[in-house]
């Protein structure tokens, strides 16, 4: 499973976003290009994305291998 996180304001990549498999300790952070890779996770897992200044968001994998997630800034 891999993916990329971008900002809703301008579509810029977001480095340092926390990416966690919901209900587990399995996770990572995005690199300087906003990309992440997670290995050995269930195709039915839910990922949780959190980053200071942005709303926490969840996404179901649903057998996808490559996600593009847009995080929305906190108001």
N, C-alpha and C. Protein backbone atom coordinates (compact mmCIF):
# COMPACT_ATOMS: atom_id res chain seq x y z
N UNK A 1 0.84 -1.16 0.00
CA UNK A 1 0.00 0.00 0.00
C UNK A 1 0.89 1.23 0.00
N UNK A 2 0.61 2.12 -0.92
CA UNK A 2 1.34 3.38 -0.95
C UNK A 2 0.35 4.50 -1.22
N UNK A 3 0.80 5.72 -0.99
CA UNK A 3 -0.08 6.85 -1.22
C UNK A 3 0.65 8.16 -1.13
N UNK A 4 -0.13 9.22 -1.38
CA UNK A 4 0.40 10.57 -1.33
C UNK A 4 -0.65 11.46 -0.67
N UNK A 5 -0.17 12.39 0.18
CA UNK A 5 -1.05 13.35 0.83
C UNK A 5 -0.73 14.74 0.35
N UNK A 6 -1.80 15.47 0.00
CA UNK A 6 -1.65 16.84 -0.45
C UNK A 6 -2.57 17.75 0.35
N UNK A 7 -2.29 19.04 0.30
CA UNK A 7 -3.09 20.04 0.99
C UNK A 7 -4.24 20.48 0.10
N UNK A 8 -5.39 20.72 0.73
CA UNK A 8 -6.53 21.24 -0.04
C UNK A 8 -6.27 22.66 -0.52
N UNK A 9 -5.34 23.34 0.12
CA UNK A 9 -4.98 24.71 -0.26
C UNK A 9 -3.79 24.67 -1.20
N UNK A 10 -4.04 24.56 -2.48
CA UNK A 10 -2.96 24.60 -3.46
C UNK A 10 -2.47 23.26 -3.94
N UNK A 11 -2.90 22.15 -3.33
CA UNK A 11 -2.49 20.83 -3.79
C UNK A 11 -1.03 20.49 -3.56
N UNK A 12 -0.40 21.19 -2.61
CA UNK A 12 1.01 20.93 -2.34
C UNK A 12 1.19 19.67 -1.50
N UNK A 13 2.28 18.92 -1.69
CA UNK A 13 2.54 17.73 -0.89
C UNK A 13 2.73 18.09 0.59
N UNK A 14 2.32 17.18 1.46
CA UNK A 14 2.42 17.40 2.90
C UNK A 14 3.43 16.43 3.52
N UNK A 15 4.64 16.88 3.82
CA UNK A 15 5.62 16.02 4.49
C UNK A 15 5.33 15.95 5.99
N UNK A 16 5.60 14.80 6.61
CA UNK A 16 5.47 14.65 8.05
C UNK A 16 4.08 14.30 8.56
N UNK A 17 3.16 13.93 7.66
CA UNK A 17 1.82 13.53 8.08
C UNK A 17 1.90 12.14 8.72
N UNK A 18 1.22 11.96 9.85
CA UNK A 18 1.14 10.65 10.50
C UNK A 18 0.10 9.79 9.78
N UNK A 19 0.51 8.58 9.42
CA UNK A 19 -0.37 7.62 8.76
C UNK A 19 -0.39 6.37 9.61
N UNK A 20 -1.56 6.04 10.18
CA UNK A 20 -1.68 4.91 11.10
C UNK A 20 -2.79 3.98 10.60
N UNK A 21 -2.55 2.66 10.70
CA UNK A 21 -3.61 1.70 10.44
C UNK A 21 -4.50 1.71 11.68
N UNK A 22 -5.76 2.08 11.49
CA UNK A 22 -6.70 2.24 12.60
C UNK A 22 -6.76 0.98 13.46
N UNK A 23 -6.69 1.18 14.78
CA UNK A 23 -6.77 0.07 15.73
C UNK A 23 -5.46 -0.67 15.93
N UNK A 24 -4.37 -0.15 15.36
CA UNK A 24 -3.07 -0.81 15.50
C UNK A 24 -2.00 0.23 15.87
N UNK A 25 -0.80 -0.26 16.06
CA UNK A 25 0.37 0.60 16.27
C UNK A 25 1.17 0.75 14.97
N UNK A 26 0.69 0.09 13.90
CA UNK A 26 1.38 0.10 12.61
C UNK A 26 1.17 1.44 11.92
N UNK A 27 2.27 2.11 11.60
CA UNK A 27 2.13 3.39 10.93
C UNK A 27 3.45 3.92 10.42
N UNK A 28 3.38 5.10 9.82
CA UNK A 28 4.55 5.76 9.25
C UNK A 28 4.25 7.24 9.13
N UNK A 29 5.19 7.97 8.56
CA UNK A 29 4.96 9.38 8.24
C UNK A 29 5.30 9.61 6.77
N UNK A 30 4.73 10.65 6.19
CA UNK A 30 5.01 10.95 4.79
C UNK A 30 6.40 11.57 4.63
N UNK A 31 6.98 11.34 3.45
CA UNK A 31 8.30 11.89 3.16
C UNK A 31 8.18 13.33 2.64
N UNK A 32 9.26 13.91 2.15
CA UNK A 32 9.26 15.31 1.70
C UNK A 32 8.33 15.55 0.51
N UNK A 33 7.99 14.49 -0.20
CA UNK A 33 7.08 14.60 -1.35
C UNK A 33 5.64 14.25 -0.98
N UNK A 34 5.38 14.06 0.34
CA UNK A 34 4.04 13.70 0.79
C UNK A 34 3.67 12.25 0.57
N UNK A 35 4.65 11.41 0.27
CA UNK A 35 4.39 9.99 -0.03
C UNK A 35 4.65 9.10 1.18
N UNK A 36 3.92 7.97 1.20
CA UNK A 36 4.12 6.98 2.26
C UNK A 36 3.98 5.58 1.68
N UNK A 37 4.56 4.61 2.41
CA UNK A 37 4.44 3.19 2.07
C UNK A 37 4.17 2.44 3.36
N UNK A 38 3.16 1.56 3.33
CA UNK A 38 2.87 0.66 4.45
C UNK A 38 2.83 -0.76 3.91
N UNK A 39 3.50 -1.67 4.60
CA UNK A 39 3.56 -3.06 4.14
C UNK A 39 2.76 -3.96 5.06
N UNK A 40 2.33 -5.09 4.50
CA UNK A 40 1.65 -6.15 5.24
C UNK A 40 0.40 -5.67 5.98
N UNK A 41 -0.48 -4.98 5.27
CA UNK A 41 -1.74 -4.56 5.88
C UNK A 41 -2.90 -5.18 5.11
N UNK A 42 -4.00 -5.38 5.81
CA UNK A 42 -5.18 -5.99 5.22
C UNK A 42 -5.81 -5.06 4.18
N UNK A 43 -6.32 -5.62 3.07
CA UNK A 43 -6.98 -4.80 2.06
C UNK A 43 -8.25 -4.12 2.58
N UNK A 44 -8.73 -4.55 3.74
CA UNK A 44 -9.94 -3.96 4.31
C UNK A 44 -9.63 -2.99 5.46
N UNK A 45 -8.36 -2.65 5.62
CA UNK A 45 -7.95 -1.74 6.70
C UNK A 45 -8.44 -0.32 6.45
N UNK A 46 -8.47 0.44 7.53
CA UNK A 46 -8.78 1.87 7.47
C UNK A 46 -7.53 2.61 7.93
N UNK A 47 -7.13 3.62 7.16
CA UNK A 47 -5.98 4.43 7.52
C UNK A 47 -6.44 5.74 8.12
N UNK A 48 -5.69 6.22 9.12
CA UNK A 48 -5.98 7.49 9.78
C UNK A 48 -4.82 8.43 9.49
N UNK A 49 -5.15 9.63 8.99
CA UNK A 49 -4.16 10.63 8.62
C UNK A 49 -4.30 11.83 9.55
N UNK A 50 -3.21 12.23 10.20
CA UNK A 50 -3.27 13.38 11.10
C UNK A 50 -2.02 14.25 10.92
N UNK A 51 -2.27 15.56 10.99
CA UNK A 51 -1.19 16.53 10.79
C UNK A 51 -1.61 17.84 11.45
N UNK A 52 -0.70 18.44 12.18
CA UNK A 52 -0.98 19.68 12.90
C UNK A 52 -1.50 20.76 11.93
N UNK A 53 -2.63 21.35 12.28
CA UNK A 53 -3.22 22.40 11.45
C UNK A 53 -4.21 21.90 10.43
N UNK A 54 -4.38 20.55 10.36
CA UNK A 54 -5.29 19.95 9.41
C UNK A 54 -6.27 19.02 10.14
N UNK A 55 -7.45 18.83 9.56
CA UNK A 55 -8.44 17.93 10.15
C UNK A 55 -7.97 16.49 9.99
N UNK A 56 -8.13 15.69 11.05
CA UNK A 56 -7.81 14.27 10.97
C UNK A 56 -8.81 13.61 10.02
N UNK A 57 -8.31 12.72 9.20
CA UNK A 57 -9.14 12.09 8.18
C UNK A 57 -8.90 10.59 8.17
N UNK A 58 -9.94 9.83 7.85
CA UNK A 58 -9.84 8.38 7.70
C UNK A 58 -10.19 7.98 6.27
N UNK A 59 -9.56 6.91 5.81
CA UNK A 59 -9.85 6.39 4.47
C UNK A 59 -9.78 4.87 4.49
N UNK A 60 -10.79 4.23 3.91
CA UNK A 60 -10.77 2.78 3.74
C UNK A 60 -9.93 2.44 2.53
N UNK A 61 -9.13 1.39 2.66
CA UNK A 61 -8.27 0.99 1.56
C UNK A 61 -9.08 0.35 0.43
N UNK A 62 -10.02 -0.53 0.80
CA UNK A 62 -10.88 -1.19 -0.19
C UNK A 62 -10.10 -1.78 -1.36
N UNK A 63 -9.06 -2.54 -1.06
CA UNK A 63 -8.23 -3.23 -2.05
C UNK A 63 -7.45 -2.30 -2.98
N UNK A 64 -7.42 -1.00 -2.70
CA UNK A 64 -6.61 -0.09 -3.51
C UNK A 64 -5.14 -0.26 -3.16
N UNK A 65 -4.28 0.00 -4.12
CA UNK A 65 -2.84 -0.11 -3.88
C UNK A 65 -2.16 1.25 -3.84
N UNK A 66 -2.85 2.29 -4.33
CA UNK A 66 -2.27 3.63 -4.39
C UNK A 66 -3.36 4.66 -4.07
N UNK A 67 -3.18 5.40 -2.97
CA UNK A 67 -4.16 6.39 -2.54
C UNK A 67 -3.65 7.80 -2.77
N UNK A 68 -4.57 8.71 -3.10
CA UNK A 68 -4.28 10.14 -3.12
C UNK A 68 -5.27 10.77 -2.15
N UNK A 69 -4.75 11.33 -1.06
CA UNK A 69 -5.59 11.89 0.00
C UNK A 69 -5.34 13.40 0.07
N UNK A 70 -6.43 14.15 0.14
CA UNK A 70 -6.35 15.61 0.29
C UNK A 70 -6.78 15.97 1.68
N UNK A 71 -5.88 16.55 2.46
CA UNK A 71 -6.20 16.98 3.81
C UNK A 71 -6.70 18.42 3.79
N UNK A 72 -7.72 18.68 4.64
CA UNK A 72 -8.34 19.99 4.72
C UNK A 72 -7.82 20.71 5.96
N UNK A 73 -7.48 21.98 5.79
CA UNK A 73 -6.98 22.77 6.91
C UNK A 73 -8.04 23.00 7.95
N UNK A 74 -7.62 23.07 9.23
CA UNK A 74 -8.53 23.43 10.32
C UNK A 74 -8.94 24.87 10.14
N UNK A 75 -10.18 25.18 10.52
CA UNK A 75 -10.63 26.58 10.37
C UNK A 75 -10.34 27.38 11.61
